[in-house]
Amino acid sequence: MMGRDWELVGAPNARDLGGLIGAEGRRVRPGRLVRTPALGRLIDEDLPVLAKLGPACVVDLRDHSEQAVAPPDRLPGEPRVVHLPVHDAEHPVFTYVSAMLLGHDLGAYTELARQGTPAAMAAIYRWFVTGKSARRGFAATVRLAAGPENLPLLYHCSAGKDRTGWLTVVLLHALGVDEAAIRADYLANNALTESLREVILEAMRQRQPELDVAAVRPVLEVREEYLDAAYGEVERVHGSFGAYLRDGLGIGDEVIVALRAHLLE
């Protein structure tokens, strides 16, 4: 995992993708692509660190409903902020996961509850590949990353692990990074957020003494099976990741060339 020469206390899984080896052995330029969770919980000491990174463009993948219940991002300077919601309020898995985390009655989700939260998370990852707002948001972010005026580019969702994680997979594949390095970056979330995850679970236990921790924990983690579900959907629908970029996201060769020109050393 690269990009841990700086840290944000209020965003422990934030990291720079610089240093990963892409096409033709060229490394991703440091300080050009930064993945984070939502930035509303940054502490004052985080702001100079983020200012030094100096994002020119910030992509927020959250839905308006998520933004409304979260503290606003703390951003130094005046970066361009682009809202590209990747969310489907009508998708039963999204509403099931939200209802579970909020402690709502899950009676309407009997089948999903029977399948379990890991299966629900895998379903969300398959939706990342085929969902309309997912394809739109991920494709638009890749195009933004291909424009030098948008670099450094910082992008985030809420927790910075699922939507942000799959978008990172897409960007790194487009840059020619090998699968082992892509997977390692994806899985790095769990170690980086271990302490925060336990704090969240304890707070939920205090609010809901009957909380089923075993059901909630899969929502707070990334897992190889989630990533594999998305890869399986790519293979099922498009046959290859290259075809997914081209046909699923509309990312043509000219965008790939621009991405690599501006983001690889």
Protein backbone atom coordinates (compact mmCIF):
# COMPACT_ATOMS: atom_id res chain seq x y z
CA MET A 1 0.00 0.00 0.00
CA MET A 2 1.36 3.42 -0.95
CA GLY A 3 0.57 6.95 0.11
CA ARG A 4 0.84 6.76 3.91
CA ASP A 5 3.55 9.40 4.40
CA TRP A 6 0.75 11.63 5.73
CA GLU A 7 -2.36 10.92 7.78
CA LEU A 8 -5.69 12.58 8.52
CA VAL A 9 -6.84 11.83 12.06
CA GLY A 10 -10.46 12.41 11.13
CA ALA A 11 -10.19 10.28 7.99
CA PRO A 12 -7.96 7.33 8.92
CA ASN A 13 -8.33 5.44 5.64
CA ALA A 14 -7.42 8.44 3.46
CA ARG A 15 -4.49 7.75 1.18
CA ASP A 16 -2.59 8.85 -1.89
CA LEU A 17 -2.47 6.36 -4.75
CA GLY A 18 0.94 7.65 -5.79
CA GLY A 19 3.73 5.13 -6.15
CA LEU A 20 1.67 2.21 -7.45
CA ILE A 21 3.20 0.80 -10.64
CA GLY A 22 1.04 1.21 -13.73
CA ALA A 23 1.38 0.68 -17.47
CA GLU A 24 4.89 0.19 -18.89
CA GLY A 25 6.33 0.16 -15.38
CA ARG A 26 5.50 3.84 -14.86
CA ARG A 27 4.48 4.81 -11.33
CA VAL A 28 1.35 6.73 -10.40
CA ARG A 29 2.44 10.28 -9.65
CA PRO A 30 2.27 11.12 -5.93
CA GLY A 31 -0.23 13.73 -4.85
CA ARG A 32 -2.43 13.42 -7.95
CA LEU A 33 -5.14 10.94 -6.87
CA VAL A 34 -6.34 10.90 -3.27
CA ARG A 35 -9.09 8.65 -1.89
CA THR A 36 -10.77 9.50 1.41
CA PRO A 37 -13.96 9.05 3.42
CA ALA A 38 -16.23 12.07 3.88
CA LEU A 39 -14.23 14.94 5.36
CA GLY A 40 -16.71 16.42 7.82
CA ARG A 41 -14.96 14.88 10.83
CA LEU A 42 -11.49 16.24 10.18
CA ILE A 43 -9.88 17.85 13.20
CA ASP A 44 -8.19 21.25 13.02
CA GLU A 45 -4.76 19.64 12.79
CA ASP A 46 -5.84 17.78 9.65
CA LEU A 47 -6.52 20.94 7.67
CA PRO A 48 -2.87 21.97 7.04
CA VAL A 49 -2.17 18.40 5.86
CA LEU A 50 -5.05 18.54 3.39
CA ALA A 51 -4.05 22.08 2.35
CA LYS A 52 -0.57 20.81 1.49
CA LEU A 53 -2.12 18.19 -0.77
CA GLY A 54 -4.04 21.05 -2.38
CA PRO A 55 -6.89 19.28 -4.19
CA ALA A 56 -8.07 21.19 -7.25
CA CYS A 57 -11.25 19.11 -7.53
CA VAL A 58 -13.24 17.13 -4.95
CA VAL A 59 -15.74 14.50 -6.10
CA ASP A 60 -18.47 13.61 -3.59
CA LEU A 61 -20.22 10.31 -4.38
CA ARG A 62 -22.81 10.62 -1.59
CA ASP A 63 -26.50 11.08 -2.13
CA HIS A 64 -28.15 14.31 -0.91
CA SER A 65 -29.82 12.29 1.86
CA GLU A 66 -26.39 11.20 3.14
CA GLN A 67 -25.00 14.71 3.00
CA ALA A 68 -27.99 16.06 4.95
CA VAL A 69 -27.24 13.97 8.05
CA ALA A 70 -23.46 14.38 8.02
CA PRO A 71 -21.27 17.34 8.95
CA PRO A 72 -20.15 19.29 5.86
CA ASP A 73 -16.75 18.52 4.40
CA ARG A 74 -13.93 20.61 5.82
CA LEU A 75 -11.96 21.71 2.77
CA PRO A 76 -9.06 24.19 2.70
CA GLY A 77 -8.97 26.70 -0.11
CA GLU A 78 -11.65 26.70 -2.77
CA PRO A 79 -11.43 23.45 -4.72
CA ARG A 80 -14.03 22.71 -7.36
CA VAL A 81 -16.59 20.39 -5.73
CA VAL A 82 -18.47 18.00 -8.03
CA HIS A 83 -21.44 16.05 -6.69
CA LEU A 84 -21.86 12.71 -8.48
CA PRO A 85 -24.22 10.65 -6.31
CA VAL A 86 -23.82 6.89 -6.62
CA HIS A 87 -26.94 5.72 -4.85
CA ASP A 88 -30.32 4.20 -5.56
CA ALA A 89 -32.97 4.87 -2.92
CA GLU A 90 -35.22 2.30 -4.60
CA HIS A 91 -32.60 -0.45 -4.49
CA PRO A 92 -33.64 -2.85 -1.68
CA VAL A 93 -30.06 -3.58 -0.63
CA PHE A 94 -29.25 0.09 -0.08
CA THR A 95 -32.38 0.58 1.99
CA TYR A 96 -31.80 -2.68 3.90
CA VAL A 97 -28.23 -1.75 4.88
CA SER A 98 -29.33 1.77 5.88
CA ALA A 99 -32.25 0.43 7.94
CA MET A 100 -29.98 -2.03 9.71
CA LEU A 101 -27.38 0.60 10.59
CA LEU A 102 -30.07 2.97 11.83
CA GLY A 103 -31.75 0.31 13.96
CA HIS A 104 -35.02 0.36 12.02
CA ASP A 105 -37.53 -2.50 11.80
CA LEU A 106 -36.26 -5.00 9.25
CA GLY A 107 -39.58 -6.76 8.82
CA ALA A 108 -39.90 -5.61 5.22
CA TYR A 109 -36.56 -7.17 4.32
CA THR A 110 -37.17 -10.78 5.32
CA GLU A 111 -35.48 -12.30 2.26
CA LEU A 112 -32.46 -10.02 2.42
CA ALA A 113 -32.13 -10.65 6.14
CA ARG A 114 -32.22 -14.38 5.45
CA GLN A 115 -29.42 -14.04 2.91
CA GLY A 116 -27.35 -12.06 5.40
CA THR A 117 -25.38 -8.84 5.20
CA PRO A 118 -22.36 -10.27 3.34
CA ALA A 119 -24.71 -11.31 0.54
CA ALA A 120 -26.35 -7.90 0.64
CA MET A 121 -22.98 -6.20 0.35
CA ALA A 122 -22.04 -8.43 -2.58
CA ALA A 123 -25.30 -7.41 -4.27
CA ILE A 124 -24.38 -3.73 -3.86
CA TYR A 125 -21.01 -4.39 -5.49
CA ARG A 126 -22.71 -6.07 -8.45
CA TRP A 127 -24.93 -3.00 -8.70
CA PHE A 128 -21.80 -0.82 -8.87
CA VAL A 129 -21.13 -2.41 -12.25
CA THR A 130 -24.62 -2.15 -13.76
CA GLY A 131 -26.53 0.54 -11.83
CA LYS A 132 -27.33 3.67 -13.81
CA SER A 133 -26.11 6.23 -11.27
CA ALA A 134 -23.06 4.06 -10.52
CA ARG A 135 -21.99 3.93 -14.14
CA ARG A 136 -22.64 7.65 -14.55
CA GLY A 137 -20.77 8.69 -11.41
CA PHE A 138 -17.77 6.44 -11.88
CA ALA A 139 -17.41 7.33 -15.56
CA ALA A 140 -17.64 11.05 -14.89
CA THR A 141 -14.96 10.83 -12.20
CA VAL A 142 -12.58 8.97 -14.51
CA ARG A 143 -13.03 11.71 -17.11
CA LEU A 144 -12.36 14.38 -14.50
CA ALA A 145 -9.16 12.57 -13.50
CA ALA A 146 -8.02 12.70 -17.14
CA GLY A 147 -8.09 16.52 -17.11
CA PRO A 148 -4.97 18.22 -15.69
CA GLU A 149 -7.07 21.16 -14.49
CA ASN A 150 -8.76 18.78 -12.00
CA LEU A 151 -5.53 17.48 -10.46
CA PRO A 152 -4.91 16.81 -7.67
CA LEU A 153 -8.26 15.02 -7.59
CA LEU A 154 -9.74 13.93 -4.26
CA TYR A 155 -12.79 11.67 -4.23
CA HIS A 156 -14.92 10.17 -1.47
CA CYS A 157 -18.23 8.64 -0.45
CA SER A 158 -19.30 8.31 3.20
CA ALA A 159 -16.99 5.67 4.68
CA GLY A 160 -14.46 5.77 1.83
CA LYS A 161 -14.45 2.01 1.34
CA ASP A 162 -17.15 0.71 -1.02
CA ARG A 163 -18.08 3.27 -3.69
CA THR A 164 -14.69 4.91 -3.22
CA GLY A 165 -13.11 1.45 -3.24
CA TRP A 166 -14.70 0.38 -6.53
CA LEU A 167 -13.93 3.73 -8.16
CA THR A 168 -10.30 3.23 -7.14
CA VAL A 169 -10.36 -0.21 -8.75
CA VAL A 170 -11.67 1.38 -11.96
CA LEU A 171 -9.04 4.15 -11.97
CA LEU A 172 -6.16 1.80 -11.23
CA HIS A 173 -7.21 -0.67 -13.92
CA ALA A 174 -7.37 2.21 -16.40
CA LEU A 175 -3.83 3.18 -15.34
CA GLY A 176 -2.57 -0.35 -15.89
CA VAL A 177 -1.88 -1.23 -12.24
CA ASP A 178 -1.71 -4.99 -11.66
CA GLU A 179 -4.47 -6.86 -9.88
CA ALA A 180 -2.46 -7.77 -6.78
CA ALA A 181 -1.68 -4.12 -6.05
CA ILE A 182 -5.28 -3.08 -6.72
CA ARG A 183 -6.59 -5.71 -4.35
CA ALA A 184 -4.05 -4.78 -1.66
CA ASP A 185 -5.12 -1.14 -1.76
CA TYR A 186 -8.78 -2.15 -1.52
CA LEU A 187 -8.21 -4.45 1.47
CA ALA A 188 -6.01 -1.91 3.29
CA ASN A 189 -9.18 -0.24 4.56
CA ASN A 190 -9.73 -2.82 7.29
CA ALA A 191 -6.40 -2.33 9.06
CA LEU A 192 -6.61 1.45 8.74
CA THR A 193 -10.09 1.64 10.28
CA GLU A 194 -9.88 -1.12 12.89
CA SER A 195 -10.02 1.21 15.92
CA LEU A 196 -12.75 3.37 14.37
CA ARG A 197 -14.80 0.29 13.54
CA GLU A 198 -14.80 -0.86 17.17
CA VAL A 199 -15.80 2.64 18.33
CA ILE A 200 -18.72 2.62 15.89
CA LEU A 201 -19.84 -0.84 17.00
CA GLU A 202 -19.68 0.12 20.68
CA ALA A 203 -21.72 3.26 20.02
CA MET A 204 -24.30 1.16 18.19
CA ARG A 205 -24.40 -1.32 21.11
CA GLN A 206 -25.09 1.53 23.51
CA ARG A 207 -27.97 2.71 21.34
CA GLN A 208 -29.28 -0.78 20.56
CA PRO A 209 -28.44 -3.29 23.32
CA GLU A 210 -29.92 -6.10 21.25
CA LEU A 211 -27.63 -5.30 18.32
CA ASP A 212 -26.49 -8.30 16.27
CA VAL A 213 -22.81 -7.40 15.90
CA ALA A 214 -22.21 -10.33 13.56
CA ALA A 215 -24.77 -8.85 11.15
CA VAL A 216 -23.40 -5.32 11.31
CA ARG A 217 -19.67 -6.01 11.08
CA PRO A 218 -19.75 -7.06 7.39
CA VAL A 219 -21.17 -3.63 6.50
CA LEU A 220 -18.27 -1.87 8.22
CA GLU A 221 -15.56 -3.92 6.49
CA VAL A 222 -14.32 -4.56 3.00
CA ARG A 223 -14.01 -8.18 1.99
CA GLU A 224 -12.51 -10.02 -0.94
CA GLU A 225 -15.88 -11.61 -1.62
CA TYR A 226 -17.41 -8.17 -2.24
CA LEU A 227 -14.70 -7.24 -4.73
CA ASP A 228 -15.02 -10.65 -6.37
CA ALA A 229 -18.77 -10.11 -6.75
CA ALA A 230 -18.12 -6.93 -8.73
CA TYR A 231 -15.45 -8.62 -10.83
CA GLY A 232 -17.85 -11.48 -11.49
CA GLU A 233 -20.50 -9.04 -12.70
CA VAL A 234 -17.95 -7.35 -14.98
CA GLU A 235 -17.14 -10.76 -16.48
CA ARG A 236 -20.79 -11.75 -16.78
CA VAL A 237 -21.96 -8.55 -18.46
CA HIS A 238 -18.91 -7.41 -20.40
CA GLY A 239 -16.48 -10.32 -20.61
CA SER A 240 -13.43 -8.31 -19.52
CA PHE A 241 -12.49 -5.24 -17.53
CA GLY A 242 -11.36 -3.46 -20.69
CA ALA A 243 -14.80 -4.01 -22.23
CA TYR A 244 -16.44 -2.75 -19.03
CA LEU A 245 -14.40 0.46 -19.23
CA ARG A 246 -15.25 0.90 -22.91
CA ASP A 247 -18.86 -0.28 -23.09
CA GLY A 248 -20.11 0.00 -19.52
CA LEU A 249 -18.52 3.34 -18.66
CA GLY A 250 -17.90 4.80 -22.12
CA ILE A 251 -14.21 5.30 -21.36
CA GLY A 252 -12.50 5.26 -24.75
CA ASP A 253 -8.85 5.03 -25.67
CA GLU A 254 -8.46 8.81 -25.71
CA VAL A 255 -9.43 9.03 -22.03
CA ILE A 256 -7.07 6.18 -21.11
CA VAL A 257 -4.23 7.92 -22.97
CA ALA A 258 -4.94 11.21 -21.16
CA LEU A 259 -5.18 9.50 -17.77
CA ARG A 260 -1.82 7.83 -18.23
CA ALA A 261 -0.20 10.97 -19.62
CA HIS A 262 -1.19 13.08 -16.61
CA LEU A 263 -1.12 10.51 -13.81
CA LEU A 264 1.85 8.26 -14.59
CA GLU A 265 5.45 9.34 -14.23
